[in-house]
Amino acid sequence: MRLARPVYEILPLIYVAIGALALLIAYLAHEGPRSLLAFGIGVLAEIAALTIFLHRQDYRAQSREYSGETIDFPSTLHG
């Protein structure tokens, strides 16, 4: 699935907000399955945010390093 660039840029922030809210709910619920479920969702959302953030950072670094140009080799096929 391909997302538009502005959506892809804001996605880690959305995941951080969802994760923070879920962790807050887990903290306030104290015990029980709801707390455990909220904690799991919070941790997964934070991991997803970190993964996307690091992926974007790596993509930017590679884009700066490699311009995308190809090496032109002399062709002997058109002889």
N, C-alpha and C. Protein backbone atom coordinates (compact mmCIF):
# COMPACT_ATOMS: atom_id res chain seq x y z
N MET A 1 0.84 -1.17 0.00
CA MET A 1 0.00 0.00 0.00
C MET A 1 0.89 1.23 0.00
N ARG A 2 0.56 2.18 -0.82
CA ARG A 2 1.34 3.40 -0.94
C ARG A 2 0.53 4.58 -0.43
N LEU A 3 1.12 5.36 0.46
CA LEU A 3 0.45 6.52 1.04
C LEU A 3 1.05 7.80 0.49
N ALA A 4 0.25 8.86 0.48
CA ALA A 4 0.75 10.16 0.06
C ALA A 4 1.82 10.63 1.06
N ARG A 5 2.74 11.41 0.59
CA ARG A 5 3.87 11.84 1.44
C ARG A 5 3.43 12.57 2.71
N PRO A 6 2.48 13.53 2.66
CA PRO A 6 2.08 14.19 3.91
C PRO A 6 1.46 13.22 4.92
N VAL A 7 0.71 12.25 4.44
CA VAL A 7 0.11 11.25 5.34
C VAL A 7 1.22 10.40 5.95
N TYR A 8 2.18 10.02 5.15
CA TYR A 8 3.27 9.18 5.63
C TYR A 8 4.15 9.92 6.63
N GLU A 9 4.28 11.24 6.47
CA GLU A 9 5.08 12.03 7.39
C GLU A 9 4.39 12.20 8.74
N ILE A 10 3.06 12.29 8.76
CA ILE A 10 2.34 12.52 10.00
C ILE A 10 1.99 11.22 10.72
N LEU A 11 2.09 10.09 10.04
CA LEU A 11 1.71 8.80 10.60
C LEU A 11 2.44 8.45 11.90
N PRO A 12 3.76 8.66 12.02
CA PRO A 12 4.40 8.36 13.30
C PRO A 12 3.84 9.18 14.46
N LEU A 13 3.48 10.42 14.20
CA LEU A 13 2.91 11.25 15.26
C LEU A 13 1.54 10.74 15.70
N ILE A 14 0.76 10.28 14.74
CA ILE A 14 -0.55 9.69 15.08
C ILE A 14 -0.36 8.44 15.92
N TYR A 15 0.59 7.59 15.53
CA TYR A 15 0.85 6.37 16.31
C TYR A 15 1.36 6.69 17.71
N VAL A 16 2.18 7.72 17.84
CA VAL A 16 2.67 8.12 19.16
C VAL A 16 1.50 8.57 20.03
N ALA A 17 0.59 9.35 19.45
CA ALA A 17 -0.58 9.83 20.21
C ALA A 17 -1.47 8.66 20.63
N ILE A 18 -1.71 7.73 19.72
CA ILE A 18 -2.53 6.55 20.05
C ILE A 18 -1.85 5.73 21.14
N GLY A 19 -0.55 5.54 21.02
CA GLY A 19 0.19 4.77 22.01
C GLY A 19 0.19 5.44 23.37
N ALA A 20 0.37 6.75 23.40
CA ALA A 20 0.37 7.48 24.67
C ALA A 20 -1.01 7.41 25.33
N LEU A 21 -2.05 7.55 24.54
CA LEU A 21 -3.41 7.45 25.08
C LEU A 21 -3.68 6.05 25.63
N ALA A 22 -3.27 5.04 24.90
CA ALA A 22 -3.48 3.67 25.36
C ALA A 22 -2.69 3.37 26.63
N LEU A 23 -1.46 3.87 26.71
CA LEU A 23 -0.66 3.66 27.92
C LEU A 23 -1.25 4.42 29.11
N LEU A 24 -1.81 5.60 28.86
CA LEU A 24 -2.48 6.34 29.93
C LEU A 24 -3.71 5.58 30.43
N ILE A 25 -4.48 5.02 29.51
CA ILE A 25 -5.64 4.21 29.90
C ILE A 25 -5.19 3.00 30.70
N ALA A 26 -4.11 2.36 30.28
CA ALA A 26 -3.59 1.20 31.02
C ALA A 26 -3.16 1.60 32.42
N TYR A 27 -2.57 2.77 32.55
CA TYR A 27 -2.12 3.25 33.86
C TYR A 27 -3.32 3.56 34.77
N LEU A 28 -4.35 4.18 34.20
CA LEU A 28 -5.51 4.57 35.00
C LEU A 28 -6.43 3.40 35.33
N ALA A 29 -6.44 2.37 34.50
CA ALA A 29 -7.32 1.22 34.72
C ALA A 29 -6.76 0.29 35.81
N HIS A 30 -5.50 0.42 36.15
CA HIS A 30 -4.82 -0.33 37.20
C HIS A 30 -4.74 -1.83 36.93
N GLU A 31 -5.83 -2.54 36.97
CA GLU A 31 -5.80 -4.00 36.84
C GLU A 31 -6.86 -4.47 35.85
N GLY A 32 -6.77 -5.73 35.52
CA GLY A 32 -7.80 -6.33 34.69
C GLY A 32 -7.40 -6.46 33.24
N PRO A 33 -8.25 -7.10 32.47
CA PRO A 33 -7.95 -7.34 31.05
C PRO A 33 -7.94 -6.04 30.22
N ARG A 34 -8.74 -5.06 30.62
CA ARG A 34 -8.76 -3.80 29.87
C ARG A 34 -7.40 -3.10 29.99
N SER A 35 -6.82 -3.12 31.16
CA SER A 35 -5.51 -2.52 31.35
C SER A 35 -4.44 -3.23 30.54
N LEU A 36 -4.49 -4.55 30.56
CA LEU A 36 -3.51 -5.34 29.81
C LEU A 36 -3.66 -5.11 28.30
N LEU A 37 -4.89 -5.07 27.82
CA LEU A 37 -5.14 -4.83 26.40
C LEU A 37 -4.67 -3.43 25.99
N ALA A 38 -4.98 -2.44 26.81
CA ALA A 38 -4.55 -1.06 26.51
C ALA A 38 -3.03 -0.96 26.51
N PHE A 39 -2.38 -1.65 27.44
CA PHE A 39 -0.92 -1.63 27.49
C PHE A 39 -0.33 -2.26 26.22
N GLY A 40 -0.90 -3.39 25.79
CA GLY A 40 -0.43 -4.04 24.56
C GLY A 40 -0.60 -3.16 23.34
N ILE A 41 -1.75 -2.53 23.23
CA ILE A 41 -2.00 -1.63 22.10
C ILE A 41 -1.04 -0.45 22.15
N GLY A 42 -0.80 0.08 23.34
CA GLY A 42 0.12 1.21 23.49
C GLY A 42 1.53 0.86 23.07
N VAL A 43 2.00 -0.29 23.51
CA VAL A 43 3.36 -0.71 23.16
C VAL A 43 3.48 -0.96 21.65
N LEU A 44 2.49 -1.62 21.07
CA LEU A 44 2.52 -1.87 19.62
C LEU A 44 2.47 -0.57 18.82
N ALA A 45 1.67 0.39 19.26
CA ALA A 45 1.59 1.67 18.55
C ALA A 45 2.92 2.43 18.64
N GLU A 46 3.57 2.38 19.79
CA GLU A 46 4.86 3.06 19.93
C GLU A 46 5.93 2.38 19.07
N ILE A 47 5.91 1.06 19.00
CA ILE A 47 6.86 0.34 18.14
C ILE A 47 6.62 0.68 16.67
N ALA A 48 5.35 0.75 16.27
CA ALA A 48 5.02 1.11 14.89
C ALA A 48 5.50 2.52 14.58
N ALA A 49 5.31 3.45 15.50
CA ALA A 49 5.76 4.83 15.29
C ALA A 49 7.28 4.89 15.13
N LEU A 50 7.99 4.18 15.99
CA LEU A 50 9.46 4.17 15.91
C LEU A 50 9.94 3.52 14.61
N THR A 51 9.28 2.45 14.20
CA THR A 51 9.65 1.77 12.96
C THR A 51 9.48 2.69 11.75
N ILE A 52 8.35 3.35 11.66
CA ILE A 52 8.10 4.24 10.52
C ILE A 52 9.06 5.43 10.56
N PHE A 53 9.30 5.99 11.75
CA PHE A 53 10.22 7.11 11.88
C PHE A 53 11.62 6.72 11.42
N LEU A 54 12.11 5.58 11.85
CA LEU A 54 13.45 5.14 11.46
C LEU A 54 13.52 4.81 9.97
N HIS A 55 12.44 4.26 9.43
CA HIS A 55 12.41 3.95 8.00
C HIS A 55 12.49 5.24 7.18
N ARG A 56 11.74 6.27 7.59
CA ARG A 56 11.79 7.55 6.89
C ARG A 56 13.19 8.18 6.99
N GLN A 57 13.79 8.09 8.17
CA GLN A 57 15.13 8.65 8.36
C GLN A 57 16.14 7.95 7.47
N ASP A 58 16.05 6.63 7.36
CA ASP A 58 16.95 5.87 6.50
C ASP A 58 16.73 6.22 5.03
N TYR A 59 15.48 6.37 4.63
CA TYR A 59 15.16 6.72 3.26
C TYR A 59 15.75 8.09 2.90
N ARG A 60 15.62 9.05 3.81
CA ARG A 60 16.17 10.38 3.55
C ARG A 60 17.69 10.34 3.44
N ALA A 61 18.33 9.56 4.30
CA ALA A 61 19.80 9.46 4.26
C ALA A 61 20.26 8.83 2.96
N GLN A 62 19.57 7.80 2.51
CA GLN A 62 19.95 7.15 1.26
C GLN A 62 19.67 8.05 0.06
N SER A 63 18.61 8.83 0.12
CA SER A 63 18.30 9.74 -0.98
C SER A 63 19.37 10.82 -1.12
N ARG A 64 19.91 11.28 0.01
CA ARG A 64 20.97 12.28 -0.05
C ARG A 64 22.27 11.68 -0.57
N GLU A 65 22.52 10.43 -0.24
CA GLU A 65 23.79 9.78 -0.61
C GLU A 65 23.80 9.34 -2.07
N TYR A 66 22.67 8.82 -2.55
CA TYR A 66 22.60 8.29 -3.92
C TYR A 66 21.61 9.12 -4.72
N SER A 67 22.07 9.65 -5.84
CA SER A 67 21.22 10.52 -6.64
C SER A 67 20.28 9.74 -7.56
N GLY A 68 20.48 8.47 -7.70
CA GLY A 68 19.63 7.67 -8.57
C GLY A 68 20.13 7.57 -9.99
N GLU A 69 21.26 8.20 -10.28
CA GLU A 69 21.82 8.13 -11.63
C GLU A 69 22.42 6.75 -11.86
N THR A 70 22.39 6.34 -13.10
CA THR A 70 22.98 5.05 -13.46
C THR A 70 24.34 5.29 -14.11
N ILE A 71 25.14 4.27 -14.10
CA ILE A 71 26.45 4.34 -14.74
C ILE A 71 26.27 3.96 -16.21
N ASP A 72 26.75 4.79 -17.10
CA ASP A 72 26.64 4.50 -18.53
C ASP A 72 27.87 3.71 -18.98
N PHE A 73 27.63 2.49 -19.38
CA PHE A 73 28.69 1.65 -19.92
C PHE A 73 28.62 1.67 -21.44
N PRO A 74 29.76 1.67 -22.10
CA PRO A 74 29.71 1.61 -23.56
C PRO A 74 29.11 0.27 -24.02
N SER A 75 28.20 0.37 -24.94
CA SER A 75 27.52 -0.83 -25.42
C SER A 75 28.20 -1.36 -26.67
N THR A 76 28.43 -2.65 -26.73
CA THR A 76 29.00 -3.28 -27.91
C THR A 76 27.93 -4.00 -28.73
N LEU A 77 26.67 -3.88 -28.32
CA LEU A 77 25.59 -4.58 -29.01
C LEU A 77 25.17 -3.87 -30.28
N HIS A 78 25.33 -2.56 -30.31
CA HIS A 78 24.85 -1.78 -31.46
C HIS A 78 25.96 -1.53 -32.48
N GLY A 79 26.94 -2.32 -32.44
CA GLY A 79 28.12 -2.28 -33.14
C GLY A 79 28.55 -1.77 -34.35
